[in-house]
């Protein structure tokens, strides 16, 4: 069914803002959330809060379908691509960021909103006209050269309705277009999981992530937190299926403006990430090192599981990444987290438990970070993050006391970052042995919901579990 499109000048301006935002996301090396935050901050007098959620969500949707847009532009009704196709993992375009953004806007209006080709072309041209006349706010960088986006839009609008299946493109590219993921990633998953499951995985990672909350049990129960949210007329939520501290909201909402958030009742945290603290299963008397603590989501959860007793040591190689934790700790009522300067974790050793939430390629988070699919060829990326992960294990595993626990976790499911890396570590570290996850998870009422048999590692996948892709391993030092 065709959906009507708004045609007022106000909405033409909104489409121009969307076009500019997507072009900036494509051109910037910074993470999308940082680019979007800067965009809204500099345009606070042009953009009221109401349309910002729409702009951000739609910009992410266009990023997720980036490959499909470029494949349609390059291959629709053609026997060969318009431009030479790049190496696997490279950005598949020779267009300027504005040209590519305009093509994405045109495809979105035709395929997702049901506009006719003529209507999509007219509305895209109107947005481009406003973009050409735009004055940049103070502090904003001008866009790169615009190129010829009207010509790109016209070409795509003429071809798209006639050939939406890319019938003339090779099958690997058609499959990549269905998932809008680089062909080397899709081929890799197909070799590992099989074609059917690889497609299910890719489709799941191409959907927007749900809004998961972790209830702060230092404030109260999950039921009490849910009552607080309902009292503020936030979208209905329900207990999440895996985490006993999780709530999944039925719809997106700006929960950060709620009184329940200000009062420290919850943190936004994907359900897979919540399972990590349960896998470590800290005791209230323990001294726990969160070695790669970053923003502190897992440090906060560990502190709550320990009931504000014992000590959680938050450490990161970049001290600036720890700063947001201070406000989060005050809001949550957490008192047992201690901050360590970079490189000083060994000075407070040994620890009863060490959590290494290692840096990774982040492919498990593509639902919320679709740009991570386009950071270059996989072999180079795997080698780069693998070196960082080995450094983390070498630096922090020796800090576990004899008989203590080591949990290694990462928001990826690639073998080189997970099982193969762990096998390599265990072969070189005879004083560590795998420890089954069943007992700690069952203590928190989770084990029966997870795959059986459950050994010392757990891989969560969006098409199987409805979570981000995540890997968790539990080891014990002899």
Protein backbone atom coordinates (compact mmCIF):
# COMPACT_ATOMS: atom_id res chain seq x y z
CA UNK A 1 0.00 0.00 0.00
CA UNK A 2 1.36 3.43 -0.97
CA UNK A 3 1.85 5.79 1.94
CA UNK A 4 1.23 9.49 1.50
CA UNK A 5 4.22 11.79 1.76
CA UNK A 6 4.11 15.24 3.36
CA UNK A 7 4.46 18.01 0.79
CA UNK A 8 4.59 21.22 2.86
CA UNK A 9 7.69 23.47 2.81
CA UNK A 10 8.19 22.54 6.44
CA UNK A 11 8.67 18.91 5.44
CA UNK A 12 10.86 19.87 2.50
CA UNK A 13 13.10 21.53 5.08
CA UNK A 14 13.02 18.35 7.16
CA UNK A 15 14.10 16.28 4.17
CA UNK A 16 16.89 18.78 3.55
CA UNK A 17 18.05 18.32 7.15
CA UNK A 18 17.91 14.54 6.65
CA UNK A 19 19.88 14.80 3.41
CA UNK A 20 22.57 16.92 5.07
CA UNK A 21 22.75 14.67 8.15
CA UNK A 22 23.22 11.50 6.08
CA UNK A 23 25.85 13.22 3.90
CA UNK A 24 27.77 14.22 7.03
CA UNK A 25 27.51 10.69 8.42
CA UNK A 26 28.94 9.28 5.19
CA UNK A 27 31.79 11.80 5.08
CA UNK A 28 32.82 11.81 8.75
CA UNK A 29 35.27 9.34 10.33
CA UNK A 30 33.61 9.85 13.74
CA UNK A 31 30.98 7.39 15.09
CA UNK A 32 27.41 8.19 13.93
CA UNK A 33 26.10 9.02 17.41
CA UNK A 34 28.76 11.72 17.79
CA UNK A 35 28.01 13.21 14.35
CA UNK A 36 24.27 13.24 15.07
CA UNK A 37 24.72 14.83 18.52
CA UNK A 38 26.90 17.58 17.03
CA UNK A 39 24.41 18.16 14.21
CA UNK A 40 21.51 18.64 16.62
CA UNK A 41 23.55 20.75 19.03
CA UNK A 42 24.56 23.25 16.34
CA UNK A 43 21.01 23.43 14.95
CA UNK A 44 19.14 23.77 18.23
CA UNK A 45 17.45 26.97 16.94
CA UNK A 46 16.44 25.37 13.62
CA UNK A 47 15.30 21.96 14.82
CA UNK A 48 12.88 21.61 17.76
CA UNK A 49 13.19 18.37 19.77
CA UNK A 50 10.16 16.70 18.16
CA UNK A 51 11.63 15.85 14.72
CA UNK A 52 15.08 14.91 15.99
CA UNK A 53 14.10 11.33 16.81
CA UNK A 54 12.68 10.93 13.30
CA UNK A 55 15.84 12.35 11.72
CA UNK A 56 18.17 10.13 13.75
CA UNK A 57 16.13 6.95 13.20
CA UNK A 58 15.76 7.58 9.46
CA UNK A 59 19.44 8.43 9.06
CA UNK A 60 20.37 5.11 10.69
CA UNK A 61 17.85 3.34 8.42
CA UNK A 62 19.52 4.84 5.34
CA UNK A 63 22.95 3.79 6.62
CA UNK A 64 21.69 0.22 7.09
CA UNK A 65 20.55 0.10 3.45
CA UNK A 66 23.63 1.76 2.07
CA UNK A 67 24.84 -1.17 0.01
CA UNK A 68 21.42 -1.80 -1.50
CA UNK A 69 21.18 1.83 -2.61
CA UNK A 70 24.56 1.71 -4.32
CA UNK A 71 23.93 -1.66 -5.92
CA UNK A 72 20.62 -0.45 -7.32
CA UNK A 73 22.29 2.67 -8.68
CA UNK A 74 25.17 0.70 -10.20
CA UNK A 75 23.38 -2.41 -11.52
CA UNK A 76 19.67 -1.75 -12.12
CA UNK A 77 18.97 -2.63 -15.77
CA UNK A 78 22.67 -2.84 -16.50
CA UNK A 79 24.77 -5.81 -17.57
CA UNK A 80 27.84 -4.41 -15.76
CA UNK A 81 28.24 -1.90 -12.96
CA UNK A 82 28.30 1.77 -13.85
CA UNK A 83 31.68 2.09 -12.07
CA UNK A 84 34.22 -0.63 -11.26
CA UNK A 85 33.15 -2.48 -8.13
CA UNK A 86 35.70 -2.15 -5.28
CA UNK A 87 37.45 -4.81 -3.27
CA UNK A 88 35.35 -6.63 -0.64
CA UNK A 89 34.85 -4.55 2.47
CA UNK A 90 35.60 -1.25 0.75
CA UNK A 91 32.99 1.50 0.50
CA UNK A 92 31.06 0.65 -2.69
CA UNK A 93 30.79 4.10 -4.24
CA UNK A 94 32.68 6.72 -6.22
CA UNK A 95 30.04 9.33 -5.45
CA UNK A 96 30.35 12.33 -3.19
CA UNK A 97 28.69 12.00 0.20
CA UNK A 98 25.86 14.30 -0.92
CA UNK A 99 25.32 12.30 -4.12
CA UNK A 100 25.17 9.06 -2.15
CA UNK A 101 22.87 10.58 0.47
CA UNK A 102 20.54 11.86 -2.27
CA UNK A 103 20.44 8.40 -3.86
CA UNK A 104 19.60 6.90 -0.46
CA UNK A 105 16.83 9.44 0.07
CA UNK A 106 15.36 8.63 -3.35
CA UNK A 107 15.49 4.85 -2.74
CA UNK A 108 13.92 5.27 0.71
CA UNK A 109 10.97 7.24 -0.68
CA UNK A 110 10.33 4.75 -3.49
CA UNK A 111 10.95 1.42 -1.76
CA UNK A 112 10.08 2.15 1.85
CA UNK A 113 7.42 4.87 1.56
CA UNK A 114 5.79 3.78 -1.70
CA UNK A 115 6.34 7.03 -3.60
CA UNK A 116 6.27 7.06 -7.38
CA UNK A 117 9.54 7.69 -9.19
CA UNK A 118 8.38 11.16 -10.27
CA UNK A 119 7.30 12.08 -6.73
CA UNK A 120 10.54 10.82 -5.18
CA UNK A 121 12.61 12.73 -7.73
CA UNK A 122 10.65 15.95 -7.18
CA UNK A 123 10.89 15.77 -3.39
CA UNK A 124 14.59 14.88 -3.46
CA UNK A 125 15.27 17.79 -5.83
CA UNK A 126 13.38 20.14 -3.49
CA UNK A 127 15.51 18.97 -0.55
CA UNK A 128 18.68 19.44 -2.60
CA UNK A 129 17.59 22.95 -3.59
CA UNK A 130 17.20 23.90 0.06
CA UNK A 131 20.52 22.27 0.90
CA UNK A 132 22.30 24.37 -1.74
CA UNK A 133 20.89 27.55 -0.15
CA UNK A 134 21.69 26.53 3.43
CA UNK A 135 23.77 28.73 5.69
CA UNK A 136 25.89 26.73 8.11
CA UNK A 137 25.64 27.55 11.82
CA UNK A 138 28.72 28.85 13.59
CA UNK A 139 31.15 26.03 14.32
CA UNK A 140 29.90 23.69 11.59
CA UNK A 141 32.14 22.59 8.73
CA UNK A 142 30.82 23.10 5.18
CA UNK A 143 29.89 19.96 3.33
CA UNK A 144 32.37 18.54 0.82
CA UNK A 145 31.70 19.29 -2.87
CA UNK A 146 28.11 18.46 -3.71
CA UNK A 147 28.79 16.95 -7.14
CA UNK A 148 25.73 16.30 -9.35
CA UNK A 149 23.17 14.78 -6.97
CA UNK A 150 20.14 15.76 -9.12
CA UNK A 151 21.55 13.69 -11.99
CA UNK A 152 22.13 10.71 -9.65
CA UNK A 153 18.57 10.96 -8.32
CA UNK A 154 17.10 11.15 -11.81
CA UNK A 155 19.04 8.10 -12.99
CA UNK A 156 18.10 6.01 -9.95
CA UNK A 157 14.44 7.08 -10.01
CA UNK A 158 14.17 6.08 -13.66
CA UNK A 159 15.72 2.64 -13.14
CA UNK A 160 14.64 1.55 -9.68
CA UNK A 161 10.94 0.75 -10.20
CA UNK A 162 11.75 -1.41 -13.22
CA UNK A 163 14.42 -3.62 -11.67
CA UNK A 164 14.18 -3.84 -7.87
CA UNK A 165 15.63 -7.38 -7.82
CA UNK A 166 18.95 -6.56 -9.53
CA UNK A 167 18.35 -9.46 -11.90
CA UNK A 168 21.46 -8.73 -13.94
CA UNK A 169 23.89 -8.53 -11.00
CA UNK A 170 25.86 -11.62 -9.88
CA UNK A 171 24.14 -13.69 -7.19
CA UNK A 172 26.68 -12.85 -4.43
CA UNK A 173 25.91 -9.17 -4.94
CA UNK A 174 22.16 -9.78 -5.03
CA UNK A 175 22.46 -11.61 -1.72
CA UNK A 176 24.57 -8.79 -0.28
CA UNK A 177 21.94 -6.32 -1.50
CA UNK A 178 19.16 -8.19 0.30
CA UNK A 179 21.12 -7.84 3.53
CA UNK A 180 22.82 -4.52 2.64
CA UNK A 181 26.13 -5.84 3.97
CA UNK A 182 29.55 -6.12 2.33
CA UNK A 183 29.86 -9.31 0.31
CA UNK A 184 32.94 -10.50 2.22
CA UNK A 185 30.99 -10.42 5.52
CA UNK A 186 28.02 -12.27 4.01
CA UNK A 187 30.28 -14.89 2.39
CA UNK A 188 32.06 -15.42 5.70
CA UNK A 189 28.81 -16.00 7.59
CA UNK A 190 27.48 -18.30 4.87
CA UNK A 191 30.60 -20.48 5.13
CA UNK A 192 30.20 -20.67 8.91
CA UNK A 193 26.43 -20.90 9.43
CA UNK A 194 25.10 -21.96 6.02
CA UNK A 195 23.22 -19.80 3.53
CA UNK A 196 19.83 -19.87 5.28
CA UNK A 197 21.09 -18.94 8.75
CA UNK A 198 23.57 -16.40 7.38
CA UNK A 199 20.68 -14.61 5.67
CA UNK A 200 18.58 -14.74 8.85
CA UNK A 201 21.52 -13.30 10.82
CA UNK A 202 22.10 -10.53 8.30
CA UNK A 203 18.42 -9.60 8.19
CA UNK A 204 18.25 -9.49 12.00
CA UNK A 205 21.32 -7.23 12.17
CA UNK A 206 19.69 -4.97 9.58
CA UNK A 207 16.75 -4.17 11.86
CA UNK A 208 16.69 -1.35 14.41
CA UNK A 209 17.70 -2.56 17.88
CA UNK A 210 14.97 -2.73 20.52
CA UNK A 211 15.14 -0.44 23.53
CA UNK A 212 16.41 -2.54 26.44
CA UNK A 213 16.73 -1.26 29.99
CA UNK A 214 18.60 -2.78 32.92
CA UNK A 215 16.81 -2.17 36.19
CA UNK A 216 19.03 -0.83 38.97
CA UNK A 217 18.30 -3.30 41.78
CA UNK A 218 19.87 -0.92 44.28
CA UNK A 219 16.72 1.19 43.77
CA UNK A 220 14.12 -1.57 43.68
CA UNK A 221 12.66 -4.48 41.72
CA UNK A 222 11.93 -4.81 38.05
CA UNK A 223 8.20 -4.58 38.77
CA UNK A 224 8.67 -1.37 40.74
CA UNK A 225 10.73 0.14 37.93
CA UNK A 226 8.06 -0.81 35.39
CA UNK A 227 5.45 0.92 37.55
CA UNK A 228 7.60 4.07 37.57
CA UNK A 229 7.76 4.03 33.76
CA UNK A 230 4.01 3.47 33.39
CA UNK A 231 3.32 6.35 35.76
CA UNK A 232 5.21 8.63 33.35
CA UNK A 233 3.25 7.23 30.37
CA UNK A 234 6.35 5.90 28.67
CA UNK A 235 5.86 3.09 26.12
CA UNK A 236 4.68 -0.18 27.62
CA UNK A 237 7.49 -2.49 28.64
CA UNK A 238 7.78 -6.15 29.50
CA UNK A 239 10.37 -8.28 31.30
CA UNK A 240 13.08 -9.32 28.87
CA UNK A 241 13.37 -13.00 28.03
CA UNK A 242 16.95 -13.63 29.24
CA UNK A 243 18.10 -11.07 31.77
CA UNK A 244 16.26 -11.12 35.12
CA UNK A 245 17.07 -7.41 35.45
CA UNK A 246 15.95 -6.46 31.94
CA UNK A 247 12.96 -4.59 30.54
CA UNK A 248 12.23 -4.28 26.82
CA UNK A 249 10.09 -1.31 25.83
CA UNK A 250 7.45 -1.78 23.16
CA UNK A 251 8.52 1.37 21.33
CA UNK A 252 11.37 3.85 21.20
CA UNK A 253 11.18 6.81 23.58
CA UNK A 254 13.52 9.42 25.02
CA UNK A 255 13.79 7.70 28.38
CA UNK A 256 16.70 9.96 29.35
CA UNK A 257 14.22 12.77 29.99
CA UNK A 258 12.18 10.71 32.44
CA UNK A 259 12.12 11.19 36.19
CA UNK A 260 12.76 7.45 36.58
CA UNK A 261 16.07 7.88 34.76
CA UNK A 262 17.04 10.94 36.80
CA UNK A 263 16.26 8.95 39.96
CA UNK A 264 18.59 6.14 38.87
CA UNK A 265 16.00 3.41 38.35
CA UNK A 266 17.57 2.05 35.16
CA UNK A 267 20.32 2.22 32.57
CA UNK A 268 19.92 1.63 28.84
CA UNK A 269 21.80 -1.61 28.13
CA UNK A 270 21.25 -4.34 25.57
CA UNK A 271 20.13 -7.63 27.07
CA UNK A 272 23.21 -9.51 25.83
CA UNK A 273 25.48 -7.02 27.57
CA UNK A 274 23.52 -7.55 30.79
CA UNK A 275 24.33 -11.29 30.76
CA UNK A 276 28.07 -10.55 31.17
CA UNK A 277 27.83 -9.50 34.83
CA UNK A 278 25.72 -12.57 35.63
CA UNK A 279 28.37 -14.77 33.99
CA UNK A 280 31.03 -13.27 36.26
CA UNK A 281 28.68 -13.79 39.26
CA UNK A 282 30.54 -11.55 41.74
CA UNK A 283 30.26 -12.02 45.50
CA UNK A 284 29.68 -9.00 47.79
CA UNK A 285 33.11 -9.44 49.40
CA UNK A 286 35.09 -9.58 46.14
CA UNK A 287 37.54 -7.16 44.59
CA UNK A 288 36.65 -7.04 40.88
CA UNK A 289 38.57 -5.39 38.03
CA UNK A 290 36.57 -4.11 35.05
CA UNK A 291 39.66 -3.79 32.87
CA UNK A 292 38.09 -2.09 29.83
CA UNK A 293 35.36 -0.24 31.69
CA UNK A 294 34.69 2.62 29.27
CA UNK A 295 31.32 4.24 29.95
CA UNK A 296 30.73 1.89 32.85
CA UNK A 297 27.59 -0.08 32.02
CA UNK A 298 29.04 -3.34 33.29
CA UNK A 299 30.79 -1.71 36.27
CA UNK A 300 27.40 -0.38 37.39
CA UNK A 301 25.80 -3.81 37.00
CA UNK A 302 28.60 -5.53 38.91
CA UNK A 303 28.25 -2.99 41.73
CA UNK A 304 24.51 -3.66 41.95
CA UNK A 305 25.03 -7.45 42.01
CA UNK A 306 27.52 -6.94 44.84
CA UNK A 307 24.91 -4.83 46.70
CA UNK A 308 27.31 -1.88 47.00
CA UNK A 309 29.78 -3.99 48.95
CA UNK A 310 33.28 -5.16 48.08
CA UNK A 311 35.13 -3.14 45.45
CA UNK A 312 34.78 -2.71 41.69
CA UNK A 313 37.85 -1.16 40.07
CA UNK A 314 37.04 0.71 36.85
CA UNK A 315 40.01 0.92 34.49
CA UNK A 316 40.52 1.95 30.88
CA UNK A 317 43.51 2.81 28.72
CA UNK A 318 41.86 6.20 28.03
CA UNK A 319 40.98 8.05 31.24
CA UNK A 320 38.56 10.34 29.39
CA UNK A 321 36.31 7.37 28.61
CA UNK A 322 35.74 6.83 32.33
CA UNK A 323 34.48 10.36 33.01
CA UNK A 324 30.79 9.74 32.12
CA UNK A 325 30.76 7.03 34.79
CA UNK A 326 30.99 9.52 37.63
CA UNK A 327 27.58 11.01 36.92
CA UNK A 328 26.07 7.57 36.28
CA UNK A 329 27.39 6.28 39.61
CA UNK A 330 25.89 9.19 41.54
CA UNK A 331 22.54 8.78 39.81
CA UNK A 332 22.49 5.02 40.49
CA UNK A 333 23.50 5.35 44.13
CA UNK A 334 26.65 3.24 43.63
CA UNK A 335 29.41 3.65 46.23
CA UNK A 336 31.79 0.73 45.70
CA UNK A 337 33.39 1.65 42.34
CA UNK A 338 36.98 2.89 42.44
CA UNK A 339 38.66 4.57 39.46
CA UNK A 340 42.14 3.56 38.34
CA UNK A 341 44.49 5.64 36.24
CA UNK A 342 45.47 4.08 32.89
CA UNK A 343 48.19 1.47 33.31
CA UNK A 344 47.82 1.16 37.09
CA UNK A 345 45.58 -1.91 37.32
CA UNK A 346 48.48 -4.12 38.38
CA UNK A 347 49.21 -1.94 41.40
CA UNK A 348 45.91 -2.99 43.04
CA UNK A 349 46.18 -6.68 42.10
CA UNK A 350 45.40 -9.44 42.77
CA UNK A 351 41.65 -9.44 42.12
CA UNK A 352 39.06 -12.07 42.91
CA UNK A 353 37.70 -11.60 39.40
CA UNK A 354 38.70 -9.74 36.25
CA UNK A 355 36.33 -8.77 33.45
CA UNK A 356 37.87 -8.11 30.03
CA UNK A 357 35.19 -6.58 27.81
CA UNK A 358 37.62 -6.45 24.93
CA UNK A 359 37.72 -4.01 22.01
CA UNK A 360 36.50 -5.70 18.84
CA UNK A 361 35.15 -5.17 15.33
CA UNK A 362 31.69 -4.74 16.85
CA UNK A 363 29.80 -6.67 14.16
CA UNK A 364 27.40 -7.88 16.83
CA UNK A 365 26.16 -4.29 17.27
CA UNK A 366 25.30 -3.56 13.62
CA UNK A 367 21.65 -3.00 14.58
CA UNK A 368 22.71 0.21 16.36
CA UNK A 369 26.08 0.86 14.62
CA UNK A 370 25.55 0.03 10.92
CA UNK A 371 28.66 2.00 9.96
CA UNK A 372 30.85 -0.73 11.50
CA UNK A 373 30.21 -2.91 8.46
CA UNK A 374 32.19 -0.47 6.31
CA UNK A 375 35.50 -0.03 8.11
CA UNK A 376 37.62 -1.87 5.53
CA UNK A 377 38.51 -5.43 4.44
CA UNK A 378 37.96 -8.04 7.13
CA UNK A 379 41.48 -9.57 7.21
CA UNK A 380 43.03 -6.20 8.09
CA UNK A 381 40.38 -5.44 10.70
CA UNK A 382 40.70 -8.88 12.31
CA UNK A 383 44.47 -8.54 12.55
CA UNK A 384 44.18 -5.08 14.13
CA UNK A 385 41.61 -5.95 16.81
CA UNK A 386 43.22 -9.34 17.43
CA UNK A 387 46.42 -7.60 18.49
CA UNK A 388 44.46 -5.43 20.94
CA UNK A 389 42.60 -8.43 22.36
CA UNK A 390 45.82 -10.39 22.90
CA UNK A 391 47.33 -7.36 24.62
CA UNK A 392 44.32 -7.21 26.97
CA UNK A 393 44.61 -10.88 27.91
CA UNK A 394 48.38 -10.62 28.45
CA UNK A 395 47.99 -7.50 30.61
CA UNK A 396 44.98 -8.37 32.76
CA UNK A 397 44.70 -12.17 33.05
CA UNK A 398 47.79 -12.37 35.33
CA UNK A 399 46.03 -10.02 37.77
CA UNK A 400 43.50 -12.72 38.74
CA UNK A 401 44.36 -14.27 42.11
CA UNK A 402 44.92 -18.05 42.25
CA UNK A 403 41.47 -19.62 42.30
CA UNK A 404 39.89 -16.44 40.91
CA UNK A 405 37.65 -15.90 37.89
CA UNK A 406 38.38 -14.40 34.48
CA UNK A 407 35.51 -13.45 32.16
CA UNK A 408 36.33 -12.51 28.58
CA UNK A 409 33.51 -10.85 26.62
CA UNK A 410 33.16 -9.04 23.34
CA UNK A 411 30.31 -7.73 21.17
CA UNK A 412 31.40 -9.88 18.25
CA UNK A 413 30.98 -13.51 17.23
CA UNK A 414 33.84 -13.89 14.76
CA UNK A 415 35.99 -16.94 15.69
CA UNK A 416 39.28 -15.02 15.52
CA UNK A 417 37.95 -12.67 18.22
CA UNK A 418 36.30 -15.37 20.32
CA UNK A 419 36.80 -19.14 20.32
CA UNK A 420 40.06 -19.26 18.34
CA UNK A 421 41.55 -16.44 20.38
CA UNK A 422 40.53 -18.17 23.59
CA UNK A 423 42.03 -21.49 22.48
CA UNK A 424 45.29 -19.69 21.76
CA UNK A 425 45.24 -18.05 25.20
CA UNK A 426 44.52 -21.32 27.02
CA UNK A 427 47.31 -23.12 25.16
CA UNK A 428 49.76 -20.46 26.38
CA UNK A 429 48.26 -20.17 29.91
CA UNK A 430 48.14 -23.60 31.58
CA UNK A 431 47.12 -22.04 34.92
CA UNK A 432 43.71 -21.08 33.46
CA UNK A 433 40.98 -23.60 32.66
CA UNK A 434 37.47 -23.24 31.22
CA UNK A 435 34.68 -23.20 33.80
CA UNK A 436 31.07 -24.04 32.84
CA UNK A 437 28.67 -21.11 32.73
CA UNK A 438 25.63 -23.14 33.71
CA UNK A 439 26.06 -22.82 37.48
CA UNK A 440 26.57 -19.04 37.73
CA UNK A 441 23.78 -18.36 35.25
CA UNK A 442 21.39 -20.77 36.92
CA UNK A 443 22.02 -19.01 40.23
CA UNK A 444 20.45 -15.96 38.63
CA UNK A 445 17.62 -17.89 37.01
CA UNK A 446 18.99 -17.67 33.47
CA UNK A 447 20.52 -21.04 32.63
CA UNK A 448 17.37 -22.83 31.53
CA UNK A 449 16.67 -20.13 28.91
CA UNK A 450 20.03 -20.46 27.20
CA UNK A 451 21.31 -23.07 24.72
CA UNK A 452 22.08 -26.56 25.99
CA UNK A 453 24.56 -28.01 26.59
CA UNK A 454 26.10 -24.86 28.04
CA UNK A 455 29.87 -25.06 28.48
CA UNK A 456 32.35 -22.31 29.40
CA UNK A 457 31.41 -20.08 26.45
CA UNK A 458 28.18 -18.55 25.26
CA UNK A 459 27.46 -16.93 21.90
CA UNK A 460 24.32 -14.81 21.64
CA UNK A 461 22.99 -13.91 18.19
CA UNK A 462 20.16 -11.55 17.22
CA UNK A 463 18.23 -14.00 15.03
CA UNK A 464 18.33 -16.68 17.75
CA UNK A 465 18.07 -14.67 20.97
CA UNK A 466 16.79 -11.22 19.99
CA UNK A 467 19.92 -9.55 21.41
CA UNK A 468 23.07 -7.99 20.03
CA UNK A 469 25.69 -10.47 18.89
CA UNK A 470 27.87 -11.23 21.92
CA UNK A 471 30.44 -13.74 23.13
CA UNK A 472 31.10 -14.56 26.80
CA UNK A 473 33.66 -16.99 28.26
CA UNK A 474 34.33 -17.88 31.90
CA UNK A 475 37.72 -19.20 33.06
CA UNK A 476 39.18 -20.00 36.46
CA UNK A 477 42.77 -19.69 37.52
CA UNK A 478 44.21 -22.84 39.08
